[in-house]
C-alpha cells in the first residue's frame, strides 16, 4: 500500500511546488506564452470549484473534500488490494483532492496556471491537482471497464 501513497505524495509535491512558483514569481493575470496560441502559464486564482462554480463556498468545499478523501482512502484499502490499476487511479485522485484542499485551507482559493487554447476555445485554467483528479477518474474508469470485460469472459 505504501507505494500508492508515494504516488499521492509525489503528486501533492509537484502540485504545491508548481503553484508556489506561479504565486511567488507572477502577478495575478500575468501570462507567459509557452506554445503561442495554444499553451500559456497564466497566474489565476479560483475560489470555487471547476469553472468557478460555487465560488466562495469554502465551508462546503472543506466538508465535501474531507468526506471524499476519507472515502477514497477507504476505497484504496478495500478495492485497491485486488486491483493495482484501481489503486493507482485512487491514489492519483487522493493527490489531486489533497493538493487543492491545501490551497483552500491556506489561502481560501486555489492557484491555477495551465491555460490552453484548443481550436480558439480558451479552456478553463487549471493546475496539477485538477489534472490529477481528471486522470485519476479516467484510470478508475478504465480499470472498471477492464474488470467488467474480464468478468464477462469468465461467464462464457
C-alpha atoms as a PDB file:
ATOM      1  CA  UNK A   1       0.000   0.000   0.000  1.00  0.00           C
ATOM      2  CA  UNK A   2       2.856   2.407   0.747  1.00  0.00           C
ATOM      3  CA  UNK A   3       3.770   2.804  -2.929  1.00  0.00           C
ATOM      4  CA  UNK A   4       0.303   4.118  -3.712  1.00  0.00           C
ATOM      5  CA  UNK A   5       0.697   6.734  -1.010  1.00  0.00           C
ATOM      6  CA  UNK A   6       4.071   7.564  -2.543  1.00  0.00           C
ATOM      7  CA  UNK A   7       2.258   8.371  -5.820  1.00  0.00           C
ATOM      8  CA  UNK A   8      -0.103  10.593  -3.825  1.00  0.00           C
ATOM      9  CA  UNK A   9       2.754  12.399  -2.063  1.00  0.00           C
ATOM     10  CA  UNK A  10       4.700  12.958  -5.298  1.00  0.00           C
ATOM     11  CA  UNK A  11       1.632  14.482  -6.964  1.00  0.00           C
ATOM     12  CA  UNK A  12       0.945  16.717  -3.957  1.00  0.00           C
ATOM     13  CA  UNK A  13       4.581  17.831  -4.007  1.00  0.00           C
ATOM     14  CA  UNK A  14       4.563  18.642  -7.730  1.00  0.00           C
ATOM     15  CA  UNK A  15       1.214  20.416  -7.389  1.00  0.00           C
ATOM     16  CA  UNK A  16       2.286  22.576  -4.462  1.00  0.00           C
ATOM     17  CA  UNK A  17       5.691  23.347  -5.977  1.00  0.00           C
ATOM     18  CA  UNK A  18       4.227  24.483  -9.314  1.00  0.00           C
ATOM     19  CA  UNK A  19       1.590  26.588  -7.550  1.00  0.00           C
ATOM     20  CA  UNK A  20       4.265  28.158  -5.344  1.00  0.00           C
ATOM     21  CA  UNK A  21       6.368  29.024  -8.400  1.00  0.00           C
ATOM     22  CA  UNK A  22       3.418  30.737 -10.085  1.00  0.00           C
ATOM     23  CA  UNK A  23       2.243  32.565  -6.941  1.00  0.00           C
ATOM     24  CA  UNK A  24       5.751  33.712  -5.981  1.00  0.00           C
ATOM     25  CA  UNK A  25       7.000  34.775  -9.403  1.00  0.00           C
ATOM     26  CA  UNK A  26       3.955  36.024 -11.294  1.00  0.00           C
ATOM     27  CA  UNK A  27       1.330  38.694 -10.815  1.00  0.00           C
ATOM     28  CA  UNK A  28      -2.293  37.558 -10.944  1.00  0.00           C
ATOM     29  CA  UNK A  29      -3.400  37.791 -14.572  1.00  0.00           C
ATOM     30  CA  UNK A  30       0.162  37.672 -15.923  1.00  0.00           C
ATOM     31  CA  UNK A  31       0.551  35.203 -18.783  1.00  0.00           C
ATOM     32  CA  UNK A  32       3.687  33.625 -20.251  1.00  0.00           C
ATOM     33  CA  UNK A  33       3.375  32.013 -23.698  1.00  0.00           C
ATOM     34  CA  UNK A  34       4.858  28.510 -23.847  1.00  0.00           C
ATOM     35  CA  UNK A  35       3.403  27.491 -27.228  1.00  0.00           C
ATOM     36  CA  UNK A  36       1.920  30.551 -28.933  1.00  0.00           C
ATOM     37  CA  UNK A  37      -1.862  30.349 -29.484  1.00  0.00           C
ATOM     38  CA  UNK A  38      -2.020  27.016 -27.624  1.00  0.00           C
ATOM     39  CA  UNK A  39      -0.441  26.882 -24.133  1.00  0.00           C
ATOM     40  CA  UNK A  40       0.294  29.653 -21.646  1.00  0.00           C
ATOM     41  CA  UNK A  41       1.267  29.782 -17.983  1.00  0.00           C
ATOM     42  CA  UNK A  42      -1.288  32.234 -16.610  1.00  0.00           C
ATOM     43  CA  UNK A  43      -1.457  33.209 -12.939  1.00  0.00           C
ATOM     44  CA  UNK A  44      -5.083  32.816 -11.867  1.00  0.00           C
ATOM     45  CA  UNK A  45      -6.955  32.264  -8.594  1.00  0.00           C
ATOM     46  CA  UNK A  46     -10.195  30.358  -8.154  1.00  0.00           C
ATOM     47  CA  UNK A  47     -12.302  30.490  -5.003  1.00  0.00           C
ATOM     48  CA  UNK A  48     -14.777  28.000  -6.447  1.00  0.00           C
ATOM     49  CA  UNK A  49     -14.689  24.542  -7.969  1.00  0.00           C
ATOM     50  CA  UNK A  50     -14.209  23.651 -11.641  1.00  0.00           C
ATOM     51  CA  UNK A  51     -15.027  26.583 -13.930  1.00  0.00           C
ATOM     52  CA  UNK A  52     -15.517  28.746 -10.826  1.00  0.00           C
ATOM     53  CA  UNK A  53     -18.806  27.133  -9.785  1.00  0.00           C
ATOM     54  CA  UNK A  54     -19.858  27.564  -6.137  1.00  0.00           C
ATOM     55  CA  UNK A  55     -17.434  30.456  -5.776  1.00  0.00           C
ATOM     56  CA  UNK A  56     -16.640  31.359  -2.172  1.00  0.00           C
ATOM     57  CA  UNK A  57     -18.329  28.298  -0.634  1.00  0.00           C
ATOM     58  CA  UNK A  58     -15.230  27.254   1.361  1.00  0.00           C
ATOM     59  CA  UNK A  59     -17.089  25.529   4.227  1.00  0.00           C
ATOM     60  CA  UNK A  60     -18.906  23.338   1.710  1.00  0.00           C
ATOM     61  CA  UNK A  61     -15.597  22.511  -0.031  1.00  0.00           C
ATOM     62  CA  UNK A  62     -13.953  21.631   3.305  1.00  0.00           C
ATOM     63  CA  UNK A  63     -16.736  19.243   4.268  1.00  0.00           C
ATOM     64  CA  UNK A  64     -17.028  17.606   0.845  1.00  0.00           C
ATOM     65  CA  UNK A  65     -13.255  17.254   0.440  1.00  0.00           C
ATOM     66  CA  UNK A  66     -12.777  15.598   3.846  1.00  0.00           C
ATOM     67  CA  UNK A  67     -15.607  13.144   3.093  1.00  0.00           C
ATOM     68  CA  UNK A  68     -14.252  12.405  -0.407  1.00  0.00           C
ATOM     69  CA  UNK A  69     -10.664  11.908   0.790  1.00  0.00           C
ATOM     70  CA  UNK A  70     -11.831   9.593   3.592  1.00  0.00           C
ATOM     71  CA  UNK A  71     -13.942   7.631   1.102  1.00  0.00           C
ATOM     72  CA  UNK A  72     -11.052   7.365  -1.349  1.00  0.00           C
ATOM     73  CA  UNK A  73      -8.667   6.118   1.363  1.00  0.00           C
ATOM     74  CA  UNK A  74     -11.251   3.523   2.404  1.00  0.00           C
ATOM     75  CA  UNK A  75     -11.737   2.510  -1.234  1.00  0.00           C
ATOM     76  CA  UNK A  76      -7.962   2.256  -1.730  1.00  0.00           C
ATOM     77  CA  UNK A  77      -7.649  -0.109   1.228  1.00  0.00           C
ATOM     78  CA  UNK A  78     -10.642  -2.262   0.288  1.00  0.00           C
ATOM     79  CA  UNK A  79     -10.640  -2.419  -3.523  1.00  0.00           C
ATOM     80  CA  UNK A  80      -7.076  -1.349  -4.235  1.00  0.00           C
ATOM     81  CA  UNK A  81      -5.701  -4.552  -2.763  1.00  0.00           C
ATOM     82  CA  UNK A  82      -7.346  -6.618  -5.508  1.00  0.00           C
ATOM     83  CA  UNK A  83      -6.695  -4.293  -8.446  1.00  0.00           C
ATOM     84  CA  UNK A  84      -3.464  -2.354  -8.960  1.00  0.00           C
ATOM     85  CA  UNK A  85      -4.958  -0.126 -11.641  1.00  0.00           C
ATOM     86  CA  UNK A  86      -7.790   0.901  -9.300  1.00  0.00           C
ATOM     87  CA  UNK A  87      -5.203   1.574  -6.576  1.00  0.00           C
ATOM     88  CA  UNK A  88      -3.142   3.796  -8.883  1.00  0.00           C
ATOM     89  CA  UNK A  89      -6.224   5.697 -10.042  1.00  0.00           C
ATOM     90  CA  UNK A  90      -7.454   6.240  -6.494  1.00  0.00           C
ATOM     91  CA  UNK A  91      -4.013   7.356  -5.284  1.00  0.00           C
ATOM     92  CA  UNK A  92      -3.907   9.903  -8.135  1.00  0.00           C
ATOM     93  CA  UNK A  93      -7.388  11.096  -7.117  1.00  0.00           C
ATOM     94  CA  UNK A  94      -6.293  11.484  -3.485  1.00  0.00           C
ATOM     95  CA  UNK A  95      -3.252  13.501  -4.590  1.00  0.00           C
ATOM     96  CA  UNK A  96      -5.435  15.861  -6.602  1.00  0.00           C
ATOM     97  CA  UNK A  97      -8.014  16.284  -3.854  1.00  0.00           C
ATOM     98  CA  UNK A  98      -5.381  16.962  -1.191  1.00  0.00           C
ATOM     99  CA  UNK A  99      -3.441  19.353  -3.448  1.00  0.00           C
ATOM    100  CA  UNK A 100      -6.417  21.668  -3.923  1.00  0.00           C
ATOM    101  CA  UNK A 101      -7.531  21.168  -0.296  1.00  0.00           C
ATOM    102  CA  UNK A 102      -4.186  22.545   0.916  1.00  0.00           C
ATOM    103  CA  UNK A 103      -4.751  25.715  -1.134  1.00  0.00           C
ATOM    104  CA  UNK A 104      -8.298  26.136   0.145  1.00  0.00           C
ATOM    105  CA  UNK A 105      -7.223  25.719   3.766  1.00  0.00           C
ATOM    106  CA  UNK A 106      -4.207  28.051   3.500  1.00  0.00           C
ATOM    107  CA  UNK A 107      -5.480  30.712   1.072  1.00  0.00           C
ATOM    108  CA  UNK A 108      -9.262  30.209   0.667  1.00  0.00           C
ATOM    109  CA  UNK A 109      -8.634  29.915  -3.065  1.00  0.00           C
ATOM    110  CA  UNK A 110      -6.800  27.652  -5.495  1.00  0.00           C
ATOM    111  CA  UNK A 111      -3.831  28.700  -7.634  1.00  0.00           C
ATOM    112  CA  UNK A 112      -4.438  27.805 -11.287  1.00  0.00           C
ATOM    113  CA  UNK A 113      -1.974  28.332 -14.128  1.00  0.00           C
ATOM    114  CA  UNK A 114      -2.266  25.878 -17.041  1.00  0.00           C
ATOM    115  CA  UNK A 115      -4.053  27.834 -19.748  1.00  0.00           C
ATOM    116  CA  UNK A 116      -4.824  26.084 -23.036  1.00  0.00           C
ATOM    117  CA  UNK A 117      -6.466  27.410 -26.188  1.00  0.00           C
ATOM    118  CA  UNK A 118      -7.958  24.489 -28.084  1.00  0.00           C
ATOM    119  CA  UNK A 119      -9.264  25.421 -31.559  1.00  0.00           C
ATOM    120  CA  UNK A 120      -9.664  29.053 -30.399  1.00  0.00           C
ATOM    121  CA  UNK A 121     -11.547  27.929 -27.259  1.00  0.00           C
ATOM    122  CA  UNK A 122      -9.947  29.235 -24.070  1.00  0.00           C
ATOM    123  CA  UNK A 123     -10.215  26.131 -21.857  1.00  0.00           C
ATOM    124  CA  UNK A 124     -10.661  26.965 -18.142  1.00  0.00           C
ATOM    125  CA  UNK A 125      -7.314  27.487 -16.411  1.00  0.00           C
ATOM    126  CA  UNK A 126      -6.319  24.557 -14.179  1.00  0.00           C
ATOM    127  CA  UNK A 127      -3.430  23.127 -12.149  1.00  0.00           C
ATOM    128  CA  UNK A 128      -1.642  19.829 -11.437  1.00  0.00           C
ATOM    129  CA  UNK A 129      -4.214  18.823  -8.796  1.00  0.00           C
ATOM    130  CA  UNK A 130      -7.070  19.372 -11.259  1.00  0.00           C
ATOM    131  CA  UNK A 131      -5.250  17.318 -13.889  1.00  0.00           C
ATOM    132  CA  UNK A 132      -4.650  14.590 -11.285  1.00  0.00           C
ATOM    133  CA  UNK A 133      -8.358  14.453 -10.495  1.00  0.00           C
ATOM    134  CA  UNK A 134      -9.228  14.065 -14.171  1.00  0.00           C
ATOM    135  CA  UNK A 135      -6.505  11.486 -14.834  1.00  0.00           C
ATOM    136  CA  UNK A 136      -7.462   9.554 -11.693  1.00  0.00           C
ATOM    137  CA  UNK A 137     -11.089   9.333 -12.802  1.00  0.00           C
ATOM    138  CA  UNK A 138     -10.019   8.116 -16.261  1.00  0.00           C
ATOM    139  CA  UNK A 139      -7.734   5.453 -14.741  1.00  0.00           C
ATOM    140  CA  UNK A 140     -10.500   4.214 -12.410  1.00  0.00           C
ATOM    141  CA  UNK A 141     -12.994   4.115 -15.307  1.00  0.00           C
ATOM    142  CA  UNK A 142     -10.543   2.106 -17.431  1.00  0.00           C
ATOM    143  CA  UNK A 143      -9.971  -0.290 -14.527  1.00  0.00           C
ATOM    144  CA  UNK A 144     -13.728  -0.782 -14.093  1.00  0.00           C
ATOM    145  CA  UNK A 145     -14.236  -1.393 -17.825  1.00  0.00           C
ATOM    146  CA  UNK A 146     -11.362  -3.900 -17.914  1.00  0.00           C
ATOM    147  CA  UNK A 147     -12.760  -5.659 -14.851  1.00  0.00           C
ATOM    148  CA  UNK A 148     -16.233  -5.862 -16.408  1.00  0.00           C
ATOM    149  CA  UNK A 149     -14.778  -7.320 -19.626  1.00  0.00           C
ATOM    150  CA  UNK A 150     -12.826  -9.877 -17.607  1.00  0.00           C
ATOM    151  CA  UNK A 151     -15.964 -10.874 -15.695  1.00  0.00           C
ATOM    152  CA  UNK A 152     -17.879 -11.160 -18.961  1.00  0.00           C
ATOM    153  CA  UNK A 153     -15.294 -13.542 -20.397  1.00  0.00           C
ATOM    154  CA  UNK A 154     -15.308 -15.629 -17.199  1.00  0.00           C
ATOM    155  CA  UNK A 155     -19.092 -16.126 -17.514  1.00  0.00           C
ATOM    156  CA  UNK A 156     -18.714 -17.548 -21.025  1.00  0.00           C
END
